[in-house]
Amino acid sequence: MSTFEAVSQALGVLEGVAVTEPLLDFYRRATDRMLLVSGRLKLGDVYGGFYDRDFESPILKS
């Protein structure tokens, strides 16, 4: 578990699920995109998917 995840979970205990869910969603999206760019995750496996505008990046074009 990363520090960000731990803090998100702690805030969830203190403030509730409404605080935790968006933080963990952001973390998962950011982590998956970093793994994609580094070549350690396939495009179809990225959490949250992609919008058409995301394919305009030269990094993601094959």
N, C-alpha and C. Protein backbone atom coordinates (compact mmCIF):
# COMPACT_ATOMS: atom_id res chain seq x y z
N MET A 1 0.85 -1.17 0.00
CA MET A 1 0.00 0.00 0.00
C MET A 1 0.90 1.24 0.00
N SER A 2 0.55 2.19 -0.82
CA SER A 2 1.32 3.43 -0.88
C SER A 2 0.86 4.39 0.22
N THR A 3 1.64 5.44 0.43
CA THR A 3 1.27 6.46 1.42
C THR A 3 -0.05 7.12 1.03
N PHE A 4 -0.22 7.39 -0.26
CA PHE A 4 -1.46 8.02 -0.72
C PHE A 4 -2.66 7.14 -0.40
N GLU A 5 -2.52 5.85 -0.66
CA GLU A 5 -3.62 4.92 -0.35
C GLU A 5 -3.91 4.88 1.15
N ALA A 6 -2.86 4.86 1.96
CA ALA A 6 -3.03 4.80 3.41
C ALA A 6 -3.73 6.05 3.94
N VAL A 7 -3.32 7.21 3.44
CA VAL A 7 -3.96 8.46 3.86
C VAL A 7 -5.42 8.48 3.40
N SER A 8 -5.67 8.00 2.19
CA SER A 8 -7.05 7.94 1.68
C SER A 8 -7.92 7.06 2.56
N GLN A 9 -7.39 5.92 2.95
CA GLN A 9 -8.15 5.01 3.82
C GLN A 9 -8.38 5.63 5.19
N ALA A 10 -7.36 6.30 5.72
CA ALA A 10 -7.51 6.95 7.03
C ALA A 10 -8.57 8.05 6.97
N LEU A 11 -8.56 8.82 5.90
CA LEU A 11 -9.59 9.85 5.73
C LEU A 11 -10.97 9.22 5.61
N GLY A 12 -11.03 8.05 5.01
CA GLY A 12 -12.30 7.34 4.90
C GLY A 12 -12.85 6.95 6.25
N VAL A 13 -11.96 6.54 7.15
CA VAL A 13 -12.38 6.18 8.50
C VAL A 13 -12.89 7.41 9.23
N LEU A 14 -12.20 8.52 9.04
CA LEU A 14 -12.58 9.75 9.75
C LEU A 14 -13.76 10.48 9.11
N GLU A 15 -13.78 10.52 7.78
CA GLU A 15 -14.76 11.36 7.08
C GLU A 15 -15.82 10.58 6.31
N GLY A 16 -15.58 9.30 6.04
CA GLY A 16 -16.55 8.49 5.34
C GLY A 16 -16.14 8.13 3.91
N VAL A 17 -16.93 7.26 3.33
CA VAL A 17 -16.65 6.72 1.99
C VAL A 17 -16.67 7.81 0.92
N ALA A 18 -17.47 8.82 1.12
CA ALA A 18 -17.58 9.89 0.12
C ALA A 18 -16.24 10.60 -0.09
N VAL A 19 -15.37 10.58 0.90
CA VAL A 19 -14.04 11.18 0.78
C VAL A 19 -13.06 10.18 0.17
N THR A 20 -13.16 8.94 0.57
CA THR A 20 -12.20 7.92 0.13
C THR A 20 -12.33 7.56 -1.34
N GLU A 21 -13.54 7.37 -1.82
CA GLU A 21 -13.74 6.88 -3.19
C GLU A 21 -13.10 7.74 -4.27
N PRO A 22 -13.29 9.06 -4.28
CA PRO A 22 -12.65 9.86 -5.33
C PRO A 22 -11.13 9.85 -5.24
N LEU A 23 -10.59 9.81 -4.03
CA LEU A 23 -9.14 9.77 -3.88
C LEU A 23 -8.55 8.48 -4.43
N LEU A 24 -9.18 7.35 -4.11
CA LEU A 24 -8.69 6.07 -4.60
C LEU A 24 -8.91 5.92 -6.10
N ASP A 25 -10.00 6.50 -6.61
CA ASP A 25 -10.23 6.49 -8.06
C ASP A 25 -9.12 7.26 -8.77
N PHE A 26 -8.77 8.44 -8.27
CA PHE A 26 -7.68 9.22 -8.85
C PHE A 26 -6.37 8.43 -8.81
N TYR A 27 -6.09 7.82 -7.66
CA TYR A 27 -4.84 7.07 -7.50
C TYR A 27 -4.76 5.93 -8.52
N ARG A 28 -5.83 5.18 -8.66
CA ARG A 28 -5.82 4.04 -9.58
C ARG A 28 -5.65 4.51 -11.03
N ARG A 29 -6.35 5.58 -11.41
CA ARG A 29 -6.21 6.11 -12.77
C ARG A 29 -4.78 6.60 -13.03
N ALA A 30 -4.21 7.34 -12.10
CA ALA A 30 -2.85 7.87 -12.26
C ALA A 30 -1.83 6.74 -12.32
N THR A 31 -1.97 5.76 -11.43
CA THR A 31 -1.04 4.64 -11.40
C THR A 31 -1.11 3.83 -12.70
N ASP A 32 -2.31 3.54 -13.17
CA ASP A 32 -2.45 2.77 -14.40
C ASP A 32 -1.88 3.52 -15.61
N ARG A 33 -2.05 4.82 -15.64
CA ARG A 33 -1.50 5.59 -16.77
C ARG A 33 0.03 5.62 -16.73
N MET A 34 0.60 5.69 -15.53
CA MET A 34 2.07 5.62 -15.43
C MET A 34 2.57 4.25 -15.88
N LEU A 35 1.86 3.21 -15.51
CA LEU A 35 2.25 1.85 -15.94
C LEU A 35 2.09 1.70 -17.45
N LEU A 36 1.07 2.31 -18.03
CA LEU A 36 0.87 2.26 -19.47
C LEU A 36 2.03 2.94 -20.20
N VAL A 37 2.37 4.14 -19.77
CA VAL A 37 3.43 4.90 -20.44
C VAL A 37 4.77 4.18 -20.32
N SER A 38 4.99 3.49 -19.22
CA SER A 38 6.26 2.77 -19.05
C SER A 38 6.25 1.41 -19.74
N GLY A 39 5.12 1.05 -20.36
CA GLY A 39 5.04 -0.21 -21.09
C GLY A 39 4.74 -1.42 -20.24
N ARG A 40 4.33 -1.22 -19.01
CA ARG A 40 4.07 -2.34 -18.11
C ARG A 40 2.59 -2.69 -17.99
N LEU A 41 1.74 -1.98 -18.75
CA LEU A 41 0.31 -2.26 -18.75
C LEU A 41 -0.22 -2.06 -20.16
N LYS A 42 -1.11 -2.94 -20.59
CA LYS A 42 -1.70 -2.83 -21.92
C LYS A 42 -2.81 -1.79 -21.92
N LEU A 43 -3.04 -1.18 -23.07
CA LEU A 43 -4.03 -0.12 -23.20
C LEU A 43 -5.41 -0.56 -22.72
N GLY A 44 -5.80 -1.77 -23.05
CA GLY A 44 -7.12 -2.27 -22.66
C GLY A 44 -7.26 -2.56 -21.18
N ASP A 45 -6.15 -2.60 -20.46
CA ASP A 45 -6.18 -2.91 -19.03
C ASP A 45 -6.16 -1.68 -18.14
N VAL A 46 -6.15 -0.49 -18.72
CA VAL A 46 -6.08 0.75 -17.95
C VAL A 46 -7.41 1.02 -17.26
N TYR A 47 -7.37 1.22 -15.96
CA TYR A 47 -8.57 1.49 -15.17
C TYR A 47 -9.22 2.79 -15.64
N GLY A 48 -10.51 2.75 -15.85
CA GLY A 48 -11.25 3.93 -16.26
C GLY A 48 -11.28 4.15 -17.76
N GLY A 49 -10.50 3.38 -18.51
CA GLY A 49 -10.49 3.51 -19.95
C GLY A 49 -9.90 4.83 -20.41
N PHE A 50 -10.10 5.11 -21.70
CA PHE A 50 -9.60 6.34 -22.30
C PHE A 50 -10.70 6.99 -23.11
N TYR A 51 -10.61 8.28 -23.25
CA TYR A 51 -11.47 9.04 -24.15
C TYR A 51 -10.70 9.25 -25.45
N ASP A 52 -11.39 9.59 -26.51
CA ASP A 52 -10.74 9.81 -27.79
C ASP A 52 -9.61 10.83 -27.70
N ARG A 53 -9.80 11.87 -26.92
CA ARG A 53 -8.77 12.91 -26.83
C ARG A 53 -7.47 12.38 -26.24
N ASP A 54 -7.53 11.30 -25.47
CA ASP A 54 -6.32 10.72 -24.88
C ASP A 54 -5.41 10.12 -25.94
N PHE A 55 -5.97 9.73 -27.08
CA PHE A 55 -5.17 9.10 -28.12
C PHE A 55 -4.38 10.12 -28.95
N GLU A 56 -4.59 11.40 -28.68
CA GLU A 56 -3.86 12.43 -29.40
C GLU A 56 -2.42 12.53 -28.92
N SER A 57 -2.10 11.93 -27.79
CA SER A 57 -0.75 11.97 -27.25
C SER A 57 0.18 11.13 -28.11
N PRO A 58 1.34 11.67 -28.49
CA PRO A 58 2.28 10.89 -29.31
C PRO A 58 2.84 9.69 -28.56
N ILE A 59 2.80 9.72 -27.25
CA ILE A 59 3.32 8.60 -26.45
C ILE A 59 2.45 7.36 -26.65
N LEU A 60 1.14 7.54 -26.80
CA LEU A 60 0.23 6.41 -26.87
C LEU A 60 0.06 5.88 -28.29
N LYS A 61 0.52 6.59 -29.29
CA LYS A 61 0.39 6.13 -30.67
C LYS A 61 1.45 5.06 -30.96
N SER A 62 1.02 3.98 -31.58
CA SER A 62 1.95 2.90 -31.87
C SER A 62 2.48 3.02 -33.27
